[in-house]
Amino acid sequence: MKGSASMSEAFSDDPVGPLEIARENLEKFADSFITQDSLRKMIDWYLVLKDVINDKDINEIEKKQVEEEMEYFSTAWSAMADIFYEKGISA
């Protein structure tokens, strides 16, 4: 059964042809786009938190809650930066 070995090779998971390569490139682009959009939204949210913390009309409880959320945000941001660094992505 000489032909069966070549059939299994034909159905491997390796990219084959321009359409498969285009699909992989599209996936990478979509991942990058989603990441960029998420980072923009995180920055927007951080700016909102900064505005809230600087508001003179908030009470101490609200201020503590916002400070705590900013600490969580900072931790998450640092973790993401570490992951990007490990992948070779830097600013």
Protein backbone atom coordinates (compact mmCIF):
# COMPACT_ATOMS: atom_id res chain seq x y z
CA MET A 1 0.00 0.00 0.00
CA LYS A 2 2.33 2.57 -1.26
CA GLY A 3 -0.32 5.27 -1.66
CA SER A 4 -1.54 5.30 1.97
CA ALA A 5 1.66 6.92 3.30
CA SER A 6 1.37 9.79 0.86
CA MET A 7 -2.31 10.27 1.78
CA SER A 8 -1.47 10.72 5.46
CA GLU A 9 1.22 13.22 4.53
CA ALA A 10 -1.29 15.15 2.45
CA PHE A 11 -3.56 15.64 5.47
CA SER A 12 -0.91 16.86 7.91
CA ASP A 13 -1.42 20.01 9.98
CA ASP A 14 1.39 21.87 8.28
CA PRO A 15 0.37 24.92 6.25
CA VAL A 16 -0.23 24.01 2.66
CA GLY A 17 -0.74 26.50 -0.08
CA PRO A 18 -1.44 30.21 -0.12
CA LEU A 19 -4.91 29.98 1.45
CA GLU A 20 -3.59 28.25 4.57
CA ILE A 21 -0.80 30.79 4.89
CA ALA A 22 -3.33 33.60 4.44
CA ARG A 23 -5.52 32.08 7.19
CA GLU A 24 -2.57 31.97 9.58
CA ASN A 25 -1.66 35.57 8.77
CA LEU A 26 -5.28 36.62 9.30
CA GLU A 27 -5.33 34.88 12.70
CA LYS A 28 -2.14 36.69 13.74
CA PHE A 29 -3.58 40.00 12.56
CA ALA A 30 -6.85 39.41 14.42
CA ASP A 31 -4.99 38.48 17.61
CA SER A 32 -2.90 41.62 17.34
CA PHE A 33 -5.97 43.77 16.67
CA ILE A 34 -7.82 42.34 19.67
CA THR A 35 -4.78 42.88 21.90
CA GLN A 36 -4.38 46.48 20.75
CA ASP A 37 -8.08 47.18 21.28
CA SER A 38 -7.94 45.67 24.77
CA LEU A 39 -4.90 47.75 25.69
CA ARG A 40 -6.61 50.93 24.48
CA LYS A 41 -9.66 50.14 26.58
CA MET A 42 -7.49 49.44 29.62
CA ILE A 43 -5.76 52.80 29.20
CA ASP A 44 -9.11 54.56 28.82
CA TRP A 45 -10.34 52.89 32.01
CA TYR A 46 -7.16 53.86 33.86
CA LEU A 47 -7.67 57.49 32.83
CA VAL A 48 -11.22 57.34 34.16
CA LEU A 49 -9.92 55.97 37.46
CA LYS A 50 -7.39 58.81 37.67
CA ASP A 51 -10.16 61.35 37.11
CA VAL A 52 -12.30 59.75 39.78
CA ILE A 53 -9.48 59.65 42.32
CA ASN A 54 -8.77 63.35 41.72
CA ASP A 55 -12.43 64.31 42.11
CA LYS A 56 -12.94 66.37 45.25
CA ASP A 57 -16.53 65.16 45.65
CA ILE A 58 -15.84 61.46 46.28
CA ASN A 59 -15.91 60.13 49.80
CA GLU A 60 -13.13 58.16 51.49
CA ILE A 61 -14.74 54.76 50.86
CA GLU A 62 -15.02 55.43 47.13
CA LYS A 63 -11.47 56.75 47.08
CA LYS A 64 -10.16 53.58 48.76
CA GLN A 65 -12.09 51.41 46.29
CA VAL A 66 -10.64 53.29 43.33
CA GLU A 67 -7.12 53.10 44.79
CA GLU A 68 -7.55 49.35 45.24
CA GLU A 69 -8.77 48.98 41.66
CA MET A 70 -5.79 50.99 40.43
CA GLU A 71 -3.47 48.60 42.30
CA TYR A 72 -5.15 45.61 40.60
CA PHE A 73 -4.85 47.41 37.30
CA SER A 74 -1.15 48.07 37.86
CA THR A 75 -0.56 44.41 38.72
CA ALA A 76 -2.41 43.25 35.60
CA TRP A 77 -0.54 45.74 33.42
CA SER A 78 2.83 44.55 34.77
CA ALA A 79 1.89 40.92 34.18
CA MET A 80 0.92 41.69 30.59
CA ALA A 81 4.16 43.61 30.03
CA ASP A 82 6.11 40.60 31.32
CA ILE A 83 4.25 38.28 28.94
CA PHE A 84 4.91 40.60 26.00
CA TYR A 85 8.59 40.77 26.97
CA GLU A 86 8.82 36.97 27.08
CA LYS A 87 7.35 36.86 23.57
CA GLY A 88 9.92 39.39 22.37
CA ILE A 89 7.46 42.26 22.12
CA SER A 90 8.61 45.54 23.61
CA ALA A 91 7.79 49.20 23.27
